[in-house]
Amino acid sequence: DTHMTKKERIEKLMGVLAVAFALCYRRGKNHGYRAKSIFRKGMESLHR
């Protein structure tokens, strides 16, 4: 949905999003949620 086209900006955003994903994944996993919802629970927790 970002509709970015500049390579440099896409690379920076991908780096930030990859770190955010890793944090969400770890956050969800640390709280023992079911495997299919690990990311979602982690993302909701981090957002809160």
All heavy atoms as atom14 arrays in JSON, in Angstrom:
{
  "sequence": "DTHMTKKERIEKLMGVLAVAFALCYRRGKNHGYRAKSIFRKGMESLHR",
  "atom14_mask": [
    [1, 1, 1, 1, 1, 1, 1, 1, 0, 0, 0, 0, 0, 0],
    [1, 1, 1, 1, 1, 1, 1, 0, 0, 0, 0, 0, 0, 0],
    [1, 1, 1, 1, 1, 1, 1, 1, 1, 1, 0, 0, 0, 0],
    [1, 1, 1, 1, 1, 1, 1, 1, 0, 0, 0, 0, 0, 0],
    [1, 1, 1, 1, 1, 1, 1, 0, 0, 0, 0, 0, 0, 0],
    [1, 1, 1, 1, 1, 1, 1, 1, 1, 0, 0, 0, 0, 0],
    [1, 1, 1, 1, 1, 1, 1, 1, 1, 0, 0, 0, 0, 0],
    [1, 1, 1, 1, 1, 1, 1, 1, 1, 0, 0, 0, 0, 0],
    [1, 1, 1, 1, 1, 1, 1, 1, 1, 1, 1, 0, 0, 0],
    [1, 1, 1, 1, 1, 1, 1, 1, 0, 0, 0, 0, 0, 0],
    [1, 1, 1, 1, 1, 1, 1, 1, 1, 0, 0, 0, 0, 0],
    [1, 1, 1, 1, 1, 1, 1, 1, 1, 0, 0, 0, 0, 0],
    [1, 1, 1, 1, 1, 1, 1, 1, 0, 0, 0, 0, 0, 0],
    [1, 1, 1, 1, 1, 1, 1, 1, 0, 0, 0, 0, 0, 0],
    [1, 1, 1, 1, 0, 0, 0, 0, 0, 0, 0, 0, 0, 0],
    [1, 1, 1, 1, 1, 1, 1, 0, 0, 0, 0, 0, 0, 0],
    [1, 1, 1, 1, 1, 1, 1, 1, 0, 0, 0, 0, 0, 0],
    [1, 1, 1, 1, 1, 0, 0, 0, 0, 0, 0, 0, 0, 0],
    [1, 1, 1, 1, 1, 1, 1, 0, 0, 0, 0, 0, 0, 0],
    [1, 1, 1, 1, 1, 0, 0, 0, 0, 0, 0, 0, 0, 0],
    [1, 1, 1, 1, 1, 1, 1, 1, 1, 1, 1, 0, 0, 0],
    [1, 1, 1, 1, 1, 0, 0, 0, 0, 0, 0, 0, 0, 0],
    [1, 1, 1, 1, 1, 1, 1, 1, 0, 0, 0, 0, 0, 0],
    [1, 1, 1, 1, 1, 1, 0, 0, 0, 0, 0, 0, 0, 0],
    [1, 1, 1, 1, 1, 1, 1, 1, 1, 1, 1, 1, 0, 0],
    [1, 1, 1, 1, 1, 1, 1, 1, 1, 1, 1, 0, 0, 0],
    [1, 1, 1, 1, 1, 1, 1, 1, 1, 1, 1, 0, 0, 0],
    [1, 1, 1, 1, 0, 0, 0, 0, 0, 0, 0, 0, 0, 0],
    [1, 1, 1, 1, 1, 1, 1, 1, 1, 0, 0, 0, 0, 0],
    [1, 1, 1, 1, 1, 1, 1, 1, 0, 0, 0, 0, 0, 0],
    [1, 1, 1, 1, 1, 1, 1, 1, 1, 1, 0, 0, 0, 0],
    [1, 1, 1, 1, 0, 0, 0, 0, 0, 0, 0, 0, 0, 0],
    [1, 1, 1, 1, 1, 1, 1, 1, 1, 1, 1, 1, 0, 0],
    [1, 1, 1, 1, 1, 1, 1, 1, 1, 1, 1, 0, 0, 0],
    [1, 1, 1, 1, 1, 0, 0, 0, 0, 0, 0, 0, 0, 0],
    [1, 1, 1, 1, 1, 1, 1, 1, 1, 0, 0, 0, 0, 0],
    [1, 1, 1, 1, 1, 1, 0, 0, 0, 0, 0, 0, 0, 0],
    [1, 1, 1, 1, 1, 1, 1, 1, 0, 0, 0, 0, 0, 0],
    [1, 1, 1, 1, 1, 1, 1, 1, 1, 1, 1, 0, 0, 0],
    [1, 1, 1, 1, 1, 1, 1, 1, 1, 1, 1, 0, 0, 0],
    [1, 1, 1, 1, 1, 1, 1, 1, 1, 0, 0, 0, 0, 0],
    [1, 1, 1, 1, 0, 0, 0, 0, 0, 0, 0, 0, 0, 0],
    [1, 1, 1, 1, 1, 1, 1, 1, 0, 0, 0, 0, 0, 0],
    [1, 1, 1, 1, 1, 1, 1, 1, 1, 0, 0, 0, 0, 0],
    [1, 1, 1, 1, 1, 1, 0, 0, 0, 0, 0, 0, 0, 0],
    [1, 1, 1, 1, 1, 1, 1, 1, 0, 0, 0, 0, 0, 0],
    [1, 1, 1, 1, 1, 1, 1, 1, 1, 1, 0, 0, 0, 0],
    [1, 1, 1, 1, 1, 1, 1, 1, 1, 1, 1, 0, 0, 0]
  ],
  "atom14_positions": [
    [[0.81, -1.21, 0.0], [0.0, 0.0, 0.0], [0.85, 1.27, 0.0], [0.32, 2.37, -0.18], [-0.94, 0.02, 1.21], [-2.03, -1.04, 1.12], [-2.15, -1.67, 0.05], [-2.73, -1.25, 2.11], [0.0, 0.0, 0.0], [0.0, 0.0, 0.0], [0.0, 0.0, 0.0], [0.0, 0.0, 0.0], [0.0, 0.0, 0.0], [0.0, 0.0, 0.0]],
    [[2.15, 1.15, 0.23], [3.01, 2.34, 0.25], [3.21, 2.91, -1.15], [3.43, 4.1, -1.3], [4.41, 2.02, 0.83], [5.06, 1.1, -0.04], [4.3, 1.48, 2.23], [0.0, 0.0, 0.0], [0.0, 0.0, 0.0], [0.0, 0.0, 0.0], [0.0, 0.0, 0.0], [0.0, 0.0, 0.0], [0.0, 0.0, 0.0], [0.0, 0.0, 0.0]],
    [[3.15, 2.06, -2.17], [3.35, 2.48, -3.57], [4.69, 3.16, -3.78], [4.83, 4.03, -4.64], [2.21, 3.38, -4.06], [0.87, 2.73, -3.94], [0.49, 1.67, -4.72], [-0.16, 2.98, -3.1], [-0.74, 1.31, -4.39], [-1.16, 2.07, -3.4], [0.0, 0.0, 0.0], [0.0, 0.0, 0.0], [0.0, 0.0, 0.0], [0.0, 0.0, 0.0]],
    [[5.7, 2.79, -3.0], [7.04, 3.36, -3.16], [7.67, 2.82, -4.43], [7.43, 1.69, -4.82], [7.93, 2.99, -1.98], [7.64, 3.72, -0.74], [8.91, 3.27, 0.48], [8.49, 4.39, 1.77], [0.0, 0.0, 0.0], [0.0, 0.0, 0.0], [0.0, 0.0, 0.0], [0.0, 0.0, 0.0], [0.0, 0.0, 0.0], [0.0, 0.0, 0.0]],
    [[8.52, 3.66, -5.05], [9.22, 3.24, -6.25], [10.72, 3.47, -6.17], [11.47, 2.89, -6.95], [8.66, 3.97, -7.49], [8.77, 5.38, -7.28], [7.21, 3.57, -7.76], [0.0, 0.0, 0.0], [0.0, 0.0, 0.0], [0.0, 0.0, 0.0], [0.0, 0.0, 0.0], [0.0, 0.0, 0.0], [0.0, 0.0, 0.0], [0.0, 0.0, 0.0]],
    [[11.18, 4.33, -5.27], [12.61, 4.61, -5.16], [13.31, 3.51, -4.38], [12.94, 3.2, -3.24], [12.85, 5.95, -4.48], [12.42, 7.12, -5.34], [12.86, 8.43, -4.77], [12.48, 9.54, -5.73], [12.88, 10.83, -5.24], [0.0, 0.0, 0.0], [0.0, 0.0, 0.0], [0.0, 0.0, 0.0], [0.0, 0.0, 0.0], [0.0, 0.0, 0.0]],
    [[14.32, 2.92, -5.03], [15.03, 1.77, -4.47], [15.56, 2.03, -3.07], [15.4, 1.19, -2.17], [16.18, 1.39, -5.41], [16.98, 0.23, -4.94], [18.15, -0.05, -5.86], [19.04, -1.11, -5.25], [20.32, -1.21, -5.87], [0.0, 0.0, 0.0], [0.0, 0.0, 0.0], [0.0, 0.0, 0.0], [0.0, 0.0, 0.0], [0.0, 0.0, 0.0]],
    [[16.18, 3.17, -2.85], [16.78, 3.47, -1.55], [15.73, 3.5, -0.45], [15.95, 3.01, 0.65], [17.52, 4.82, -1.59], [18.7, 4.85, -2.56], [18.27, 5.05, -4.02], [17.14, 5.53, -4.28], [19.07, 4.69, -4.9], [0.0, 0.0, 0.0], [0.0, 0.0, 0.0], [0.0, 0.0, 0.0], [0.0, 0.0, 0.0], [0.0, 0.0, 0.0]],
    [[14.59, 4.09, -0.73], [13.52, 4.17, 0.27], [12.93, 2.8, 0.56], [12.62, 2.46, 1.7], [12.43, 5.13, -0.19], [12.88, 6.57, -0.17], [11.77, 7.49, -0.56], [12.24, 8.87, -0.55], [11.51, 9.9, -0.89], [10.26, 9.72, -1.28], [12.01, 11.11, -0.84], [0.0, 0.0, 0.0], [0.0, 0.0, 0.0], [0.0, 0.0, 0.0]],
    [[12.77, 2.0, -0.48], [12.23, 0.65, -0.3], [13.19, -0.19, 0.56], [12.76, -0.91, 1.45], [11.98, -0.03, -1.67], [10.85, 0.68, -2.4], [11.67, -1.51, -1.49], [10.67, 0.23, -3.84], [0.0, 0.0, 0.0], [0.0, 0.0, 0.0], [0.0, 0.0, 0.0], [0.0, 0.0, 0.0], [0.0, 0.0, 0.0], [0.0, 0.0, 0.0]],
    [[14.5, -0.06, 0.29], [15.48, -0.81, 1.07], [15.43, -0.43, 2.55], [15.45, -1.29, 3.42], [16.89, -0.56, 0.53], [17.17, -1.26, -0.78], [18.52, -0.9, -1.38], [19.2, 0.03, -0.87], [18.91, -1.54, -2.37], [0.0, 0.0, 0.0], [0.0, 0.0, 0.0], [0.0, 0.0, 0.0], [0.0, 0.0, 0.0], [0.0, 0.0, 0.0]],
    [[15.34, 0.86, 2.84], [15.27, 1.31, 4.23], [13.99, 0.82, 4.9], [14.01, 0.35, 6.04], [15.35, 2.84, 4.3], [16.73, 3.38, 4.01], [16.75, 4.88, 4.03], [18.12, 5.39, 3.61], [18.14, 6.86, 3.5], [0.0, 0.0, 0.0], [0.0, 0.0, 0.0], [0.0, 0.0, 0.0], [0.0, 0.0, 0.0], [0.0, 0.0, 0.0]],
    [[12.88, 0.94, 4.19], [11.61, 0.48, 4.75], [11.63, -1.02, 5.0], [11.15, -1.5, 6.03], [10.44, 0.86, 3.84], [9.05, 0.46, 4.33], [8.75, 1.09, 5.69], [7.99, 0.86, 3.31], [0.0, 0.0, 0.0], [0.0, 0.0, 0.0], [0.0, 0.0, 0.0], [0.0, 0.0, 0.0], [0.0, 0.0, 0.0], [0.0, 0.0, 0.0]],
    [[12.2, -1.78, 4.07], [12.29, -3.23, 4.25], [13.1, -3.58, 5.49], [12.74, -4.5, 6.24], [12.93, -3.9, 3.02], [12.0, -4.06, 1.86], [10.62, -5.15, 2.22], [11.45, -6.7, 2.41], [0.0, 0.0, 0.0], [0.0, 0.0, 0.0], [0.0, 0.0, 0.0], [0.0, 0.0, 0.0], [0.0, 0.0, 0.0], [0.0, 0.0, 0.0]],
    [[14.18, -2.86, 5.72], [14.98, -3.1, 6.92], [14.19, -2.84, 8.19], [14.2, -3.65, 9.12], [0.0, 0.0, 0.0], [0.0, 0.0, 0.0], [0.0, 0.0, 0.0], [0.0, 0.0, 0.0], [0.0, 0.0, 0.0], [0.0, 0.0, 0.0], [0.0, 0.0, 0.0], [0.0, 0.0, 0.0], [0.0, 0.0, 0.0], [0.0, 0.0, 0.0]],
    [[13.5, -1.73, 8.23], [12.68, -1.39, 9.41], [11.57, -2.42, 9.6], [11.32, -2.89, 10.72], [12.08, 0.03, 9.26], [11.04, 0.31, 10.33], [13.2, 1.07, 9.32], [0.0, 0.0, 0.0], [0.0, 0.0, 0.0], [0.0, 0.0, 0.0], [0.0, 0.0, 0.0], [0.0, 0.0, 0.0], [0.0, 0.0, 0.0], [0.0, 0.0, 0.0]],
    [[10.91, -2.8, 8.52], [9.81, -3.77, 8.62], [10.31, -5.15, 9.03], [9.63, -5.86, 9.78], [9.05, -3.85, 7.3], [8.24, -2.6, 6.92], [7.56, -2.8, 5.57], [7.23, -2.25, 7.98], [0.0, 0.0, 0.0], [0.0, 0.0, 0.0], [0.0, 0.0, 0.0], [0.0, 0.0, 0.0], [0.0, 0.0, 0.0], [0.0, 0.0, 0.0]],
    [[11.49, -5.55, 8.56], [12.03, -6.85, 8.95], [12.33, -6.88, 10.45], [12.02, -7.86, 11.13], [13.3, -7.16, 8.15], [0.0, 0.0, 0.0], [0.0, 0.0, 0.0], [0.0, 0.0, 0.0], [0.0, 0.0, 0.0], [0.0, 0.0, 0.0], [0.0, 0.0, 0.0], [0.0, 0.0, 0.0], [0.0, 0.0, 0.0], [0.0, 0.0, 0.0]],
    [[12.88, -5.8, 10.98], [13.13, -5.72, 12.42], [11.81, -5.72, 13.18], [11.64, -6.43, 14.18], [13.98, -4.48, 12.77], [14.02, -4.25, 14.27], [15.38, -4.62, 12.2], [0.0, 0.0, 0.0], [0.0, 0.0, 0.0], [0.0, 0.0, 0.0], [0.0, 0.0, 0.0], [0.0, 0.0, 0.0], [0.0, 0.0, 0.0], [0.0, 0.0, 0.0]],
    [[10.83, -4.94, 12.7], [9.52, -4.9, 13.35], [8.87, -6.29, 13.34], [8.28, -6.72, 14.34], [8.61, -3.89, 12.66], [0.0, 0.0, 0.0], [0.0, 0.0, 0.0], [0.0, 0.0, 0.0], [0.0, 0.0, 0.0], [0.0, 0.0, 0.0], [0.0, 0.0, 0.0], [0.0, 0.0, 0.0], [0.0, 0.0, 0.0], [0.0, 0.0, 0.0]],
    [[8.99, -7.0, 12.22], [8.43, -8.35, 12.14], [9.1, -9.26, 13.18], [8.43, -10.01, 13.89], [8.63, -8.93, 10.74], [8.27, -10.39, 10.67], [6.95, -10.78, 10.54], [9.24, -11.36, 10.75], [6.61, -12.11, 10.49], [8.91, -12.7, 10.7], [7.59, -13.08, 10.57], [0.0, 0.0, 0.0], [0.0, 0.0, 0.0], [0.0, 0.0, 0.0]],
    [[10.42, -9.19, 13.25], [11.15, -10.05, 14.19], [10.72, -9.76, 15.63], [10.52, -10.68, 16.42], [12.66, -9.84, 14.04], [0.0, 0.0, 0.0], [0.0, 0.0, 0.0], [0.0, 0.0, 0.0], [0.0, 0.0, 0.0], [0.0, 0.0, 0.0], [0.0, 0.0, 0.0], [0.0, 0.0, 0.0], [0.0, 0.0, 0.0], [0.0, 0.0, 0.0]],
    [[10.55, -8.5, 15.95], [10.1, -8.14, 17.3], [8.69, -8.64, 17.57], [8.41, -9.16, 18.65], [10.18, -6.62, 17.48], [11.6, -6.04, 17.47], [11.54, -4.52, 17.51], [12.43, -6.58, 18.61], [0.0, 0.0, 0.0], [0.0, 0.0, 0.0], [0.0, 0.0, 0.0], [0.0, 0.0, 0.0], [0.0, 0.0, 0.0], [0.0, 0.0, 0.0]],
    [[7.8, -8.49, 16.61], [6.42, -8.97, 16.77], [6.4, -10.48, 16.93], [5.68, -11.03, 17.78], [5.56, -8.57, 15.57], [5.24, -6.8, 15.47], [0.0, 0.0, 0.0], [0.0, 0.0, 0.0], [0.0, 0.0, 0.0], [0.0, 0.0, 0.0], [0.0, 0.0, 0.0], [0.0, 0.0, 0.0], [0.0, 0.0, 0.0], [0.0, 0.0, 0.0]],
    [[7.18, -11.16, 16.13], [7.23, -12.62, 16.18], [7.74, -13.08, 17.55], [7.16, -13.95, 18.18], [8.14, -13.13, 15.07], [8.08, -14.62, 14.88], [7.12, -15.2, 14.06], [8.97, -15.46, 15.53], [7.06, -16.57, 13.87], [8.92, -16.83, 15.36], [7.96, -17.38, 14.53], [7.9, -18.73, 14.37], [0.0, 0.0, 0.0], [0.0, 0.0, 0.0]],
    [[8.82, -12.47, 17.99], [9.38, -12.85, 19.29], [8.41, -12.53, 20.41], [8.22, -13.32, 21.32], [10.69, -12.15, 19.55], [11.09, -12.41, 21.01], [12.45, -12.01, 21.36], [13.4, -12.99, 20.89], [14.69, -12.79, 20.94], [15.16, -11.67, 21.4], [15.51, -13.7, 20.52], [0.0, 0.0, 0.0], [0.0, 0.0, 0.0], [0.0, 0.0, 0.0]],
    [[7.77, -11.38, 20.35], [6.84, -10.98, 21.4], [5.7, -11.99, 21.5], [5.32, -12.42, 22.58], [6.29, -9.58, 21.12], [5.32, -9.09, 22.13], [6.02, -8.77, 23.41], [5.02, -8.35, 24.38], [5.25, -8.28, 25.65], [6.42, -8.58, 26.12], [4.3, -7.91, 26.47], [0.0, 0.0, 0.0], [0.0, 0.0, 0.0], [0.0, 0.0, 0.0]],
    [[5.14, -12.38, 20.38], [4.06, -13.36, 20.39], [4.52, -14.72, 20.87], [3.82, -15.4, 21.62], [0.0, 0.0, 0.0], [0.0, 0.0, 0.0], [0.0, 0.0, 0.0], [0.0, 0.0, 0.0], [0.0, 0.0, 0.0], [0.0, 0.0, 0.0], [0.0, 0.0, 0.0], [0.0, 0.0, 0.0], [0.0, 0.0, 0.0], [0.0, 0.0, 0.0]],
    [[5.72, -15.12, 20.49], [6.24, -16.44, 20.86], [6.53, -16.52, 22.36], [6.29, -17.54, 22.99], [7.5, -16.74, 20.07], [7.95, -18.17, 20.16], [8.97, -18.48, 19.1], [9.25, -19.96, 19.09], [9.95, -20.39, 17.92], [0.0, 0.0, 0.0], [0.0, 0.0, 0.0], [0.0, 0.0, 0.0], [0.0, 0.0, 0.0], [0.0, 0.0, 0.0]],
    [[7.04, -15.43, 22.92], [7.38, -15.42, 24.34], [6.17, -15.59, 25.24], [6.3, -15.97, 26.39], [8.11, -14.13, 24.72], [9.53, -14.13, 24.21], [10.09, -15.18, 23.95], [10.09, -12.97, 24.04], [0.0, 0.0, 0.0], [0.0, 0.0, 0.0], [0.0, 0.0, 0.0], [0.0, 0.0, 0.0], [0.0, 0.0, 0.0], [0.0, 0.0, 0.0]],
    [[5.01, -15.29, 24.73], [3.81, -15.41, 25.55], [3.04, -16.69, 25.29], [1.93, -16.86, 25.75], [2.92, -14.17, 25.37], [3.51, -12.98, 26.07], [3.34, -12.78, 27.4], [4.32, -12.0, 25.63], [4.0, -11.69, 27.78], [4.61, -11.21, 26.71], [0.0, 0.0, 0.0], [0.0, 0.0, 0.0], [0.0, 0.0, 0.0], [0.0, 0.0, 0.0]],
    [[3.62, -17.6, 24.53], [3.07, -18.93, 24.37], [1.79, -19.03, 23.57], [1.02, -19.97, 23.73], [0.0, 0.0, 0.0], [0.0, 0.0, 0.0], [0.0, 0.0, 0.0], [0.0, 0.0, 0.0], [0.0, 0.0, 0.0], [0.0, 0.0, 0.0], [0.0, 0.0, 0.0], [0.0, 0.0, 0.0], [0.0, 0.0, 0.0], [0.0, 0.0, 0.0]],
    [[1.53, -18.08, 22.69], [0.33, -18.16, 21.87], [0.47, -19.26, 20.84], [1.58, -19.66, 20.5], [0.06, -16.82, 21.17], [-0.24, -15.71, 22.14], [0.65, -14.67, 22.32], [-1.42, -15.72, 22.88], [0.39, -13.65, 23.21], [-1.69, -14.7, 23.77], [-0.78, -13.68, 23.93], [-1.06, -12.68, 24.8], [0.0, 0.0, 0.0], [0.0, 0.0, 0.0]],
    [[-0.64, -19.72, 20.32], [-0.61, -20.76, 19.29], [0.21, -20.29, 18.1], [0.24, -19.11, 17.77], [-2.04, -21.07, 18.84], [-2.8, -21.79, 19.93], [-4.22, -22.13, 19.54], [-4.44, -22.16, 18.12], [-5.56, -21.71, 17.55], [-6.52, -21.2, 18.27], [-5.71, -21.78, 16.26], [0.0, 0.0, 0.0], [0.0, 0.0, 0.0], [0.0, 0.0, 0.0]],
    [[0.84, -21.24, 17.4], [1.78, -20.94, 16.32], [1.16, -20.07, 15.23], [1.81, -19.17, 14.73], [2.31, -22.22, 15.71], [0.0, 0.0, 0.0], [0.0, 0.0, 0.0], [0.0, 0.0, 0.0], [0.0, 0.0, 0.0], [0.0, 0.0, 0.0], [0.0, 0.0, 0.0], [0.0, 0.0, 0.0], [0.0, 0.0, 0.0], [0.0, 0.0, 0.0]],
    [[-0.07, -20.3, 14.85], [-0.6, -19.54, 13.73], [-0.93, -18.09, 14.1], [-1.16, -17.27, 13.25], [-1.82, -20.24, 13.12], [-3.06, -20.19, 13.95], [-4.19, -20.87, 13.19], [-5.5, -20.69, 13.89], [-6.58, -21.31, 13.18], [0.0, 0.0, 0.0], [0.0, 0.0, 0.0], [0.0, 0.0, 0.0], [0.0, 0.0, 0.0], [0.0, 0.0, 0.0]],
    [[-0.94, -17.75, 15.38], [-1.25, -16.38, 15.77], [-0.08, -15.69, 16.48], [-0.27, -14.64, 17.04], [-2.48, -16.37, 16.67], [-2.21, -17.06, 17.87], [0.0, 0.0, 0.0], [0.0, 0.0, 0.0], [0.0, 0.0, 0.0], [0.0, 0.0, 0.0], [0.0, 0.0, 0.0], [0.0, 0.0, 0.0], [0.0, 0.0, 0.0], [0.0, 0.0, 0.0]],
    [[1.09, -16.29, 16.43], [2.23, -15.69, 17.11], [2.47, -14.26, 16.65], [2.6, -13.35, 17.46], [3.52, -16.53, 16.88], [3.46, -17.8, 17.71], [4.77, -15.74, 17.22], [4.61, -18.75, 17.42], [0.0, 0.0, 0.0], [0.0, 0.0, 0.0], [0.0, 0.0, 0.0], [0.0, 0.0, 0.0], [0.0, 0.0, 0.0], [0.0, 0.0, 0.0]],
    [[2.54, -14.07, 15.35], [2.82, -12.74, 14.84], [1.74, -11.74, 15.23], [2.02, -10.65, 15.71], [2.96, -12.76, 13.31], [3.06, -11.39, 12.72], [4.26, -10.72, 12.75], [1.96, -10.76, 12.18], [4.36, -9.44, 12.22], [2.05, -9.48, 11.67], [3.25, -8.82, 11.69], [0.0, 0.0, 0.0], [0.0, 0.0, 0.0], [0.0, 0.0, 0.0]],
    [[0.49, -12.11, 15.03], [-0.63, -11.19, 15.32], [-0.64, -10.8, 16.79], [-0.77, -9.62, 17.11], [-1.96, -11.86, 14.93], [-3.19, -11.07, 15.29], [-3.28, -9.68, 14.72], [-3.17, -9.67, 13.29], [-2.92, -8.58, 12.57], [-2.74, -7.42, 13.15], [-2.82, -8.63, 11.29], [0.0, 0.0, 0.0], [0.0, 0.0, 0.0], [0.0, 0.0, 0.0]],
    [[-0.49, -11.76, 17.69], [-0.47, -11.44, 19.12], [0.72, -10.55, 19.46], [0.6, -9.61, 20.24], [-0.43, -12.72, 19.96], [-1.68, -13.56, 19.83], [-2.87, -12.84, 20.38], [-4.1, -13.73, 20.31], [-5.29, -13.1, 20.82], [0.0, 0.0, 0.0], [0.0, 0.0, 0.0], [0.0, 0.0, 0.0], [0.0, 0.0, 0.0], [0.0, 0.0, 0.0]],
    [[1.85, -10.85, 18.88], [3.03, -10.03, 19.12], [2.87, -8.61, 18.61], [3.23, -7.65, 19.27], [0.0, 0.0, 0.0], [0.0, 0.0, 0.0], [0.0, 0.0, 0.0], [0.0, 0.0, 0.0], [0.0, 0.0, 0.0], [0.0, 0.0, 0.0], [0.0, 0.0, 0.0], [0.0, 0.0, 0.0], [0.0, 0.0, 0.0], [0.0, 0.0, 0.0]],
    [[2.28, -8.49, 17.41], [2.07, -7.15, 16.84], [1.09, -6.34, 17.69], [1.31, -5.16, 17.96], [1.57, -7.25, 15.41], [1.48, -5.91, 14.73], [1.23, -6.15, 12.97], [1.08, -4.48, 12.43], [0.0, 0.0, 0.0], [0.0, 0.0, 0.0], [0.0, 0.0, 0.0], [0.0, 0.0, 0.0], [0.0, 0.0, 0.0], [0.0, 0.0, 0.0]],
    [[0.02, -6.98, 18.11], [-0.95, -6.27, 18.95], [-0.32, -5.84, 20.27], [-0.54, -4.73, 20.75], [-2.17, -7.17, 19.22], [-3.03, -7.37, 17.99], [-4.07, -8.46, 18.16], [-4.12, -9.1, 19.24], [-4.84, -8.67, 17.2], [0.0, 0.0, 0.0], [0.0, 0.0, 0.0], [0.0, 0.0, 0.0], [0.0, 0.0, 0.0], [0.0, 0.0, 0.0]],
    [[0.48, -6.71, 20.85], [1.15, -6.4, 22.11], [2.14, -5.25, 21.94], [2.15, -4.31, 22.75], [1.86, -7.65, 22.61], [2.56, -7.38, 23.78], [0.0, 0.0, 0.0], [0.0, 0.0, 0.0], [0.0, 0.0, 0.0], [0.0, 0.0, 0.0], [0.0, 0.0, 0.0], [0.0, 0.0, 0.0], [0.0, 0.0, 0.0], [0.0, 0.0, 0.0]],
    [[2.95, -5.31, 20.89], [3.9, -4.21, 20.65], [3.19, -2.89, 20.37], [3.6, -1.84, 20.84], [4.83, -4.56, 19.49], [6.01, -5.44, 19.82], [6.81, -5.74, 18.57], [6.9, -4.8, 20.85], [0.0, 0.0, 0.0], [0.0, 0.0, 0.0], [0.0, 0.0, 0.0], [0.0, 0.0, 0.0], [0.0, 0.0, 0.0], [0.0, 0.0, 0.0]],
    [[2.12, -2.96, 19.61], [1.36, -1.74, 19.3], [0.82, -1.13, 20.59], [0.88, 0.09, 20.79], [0.21, -2.07, 18.34], [-0.57, -0.86, 17.95], [-1.7, -0.47, 18.61], [-0.36, 0.05, 16.97], [-2.17, 0.63, 18.07], [-1.38, 0.97, 17.06], [0.0, 0.0, 0.0], [0.0, 0.0, 0.0], [0.0, 0.0, 0.0], [0.0, 0.0, 0.0]],
    [[0.3, -1.95, 21.48], [-0.24, -1.47, 22.75], [0.87, -0.82, 23.58], [0.7, 0.27, 24.12], [-0.86, -2.65, 23.5], [-1.59, -2.29, 24.76], [-2.27, -3.49, 25.43], [-1.3, -4.5, 25.84], [-1.17, -5.69, 25.28], [-1.96, -6.05, 24.28], [-0.27, -6.55, 25.71], [0.0, 0.0, 0.0], [0.0, 0.0, 0.0], [0.0, 0.0, 0.0]]
  ]
}
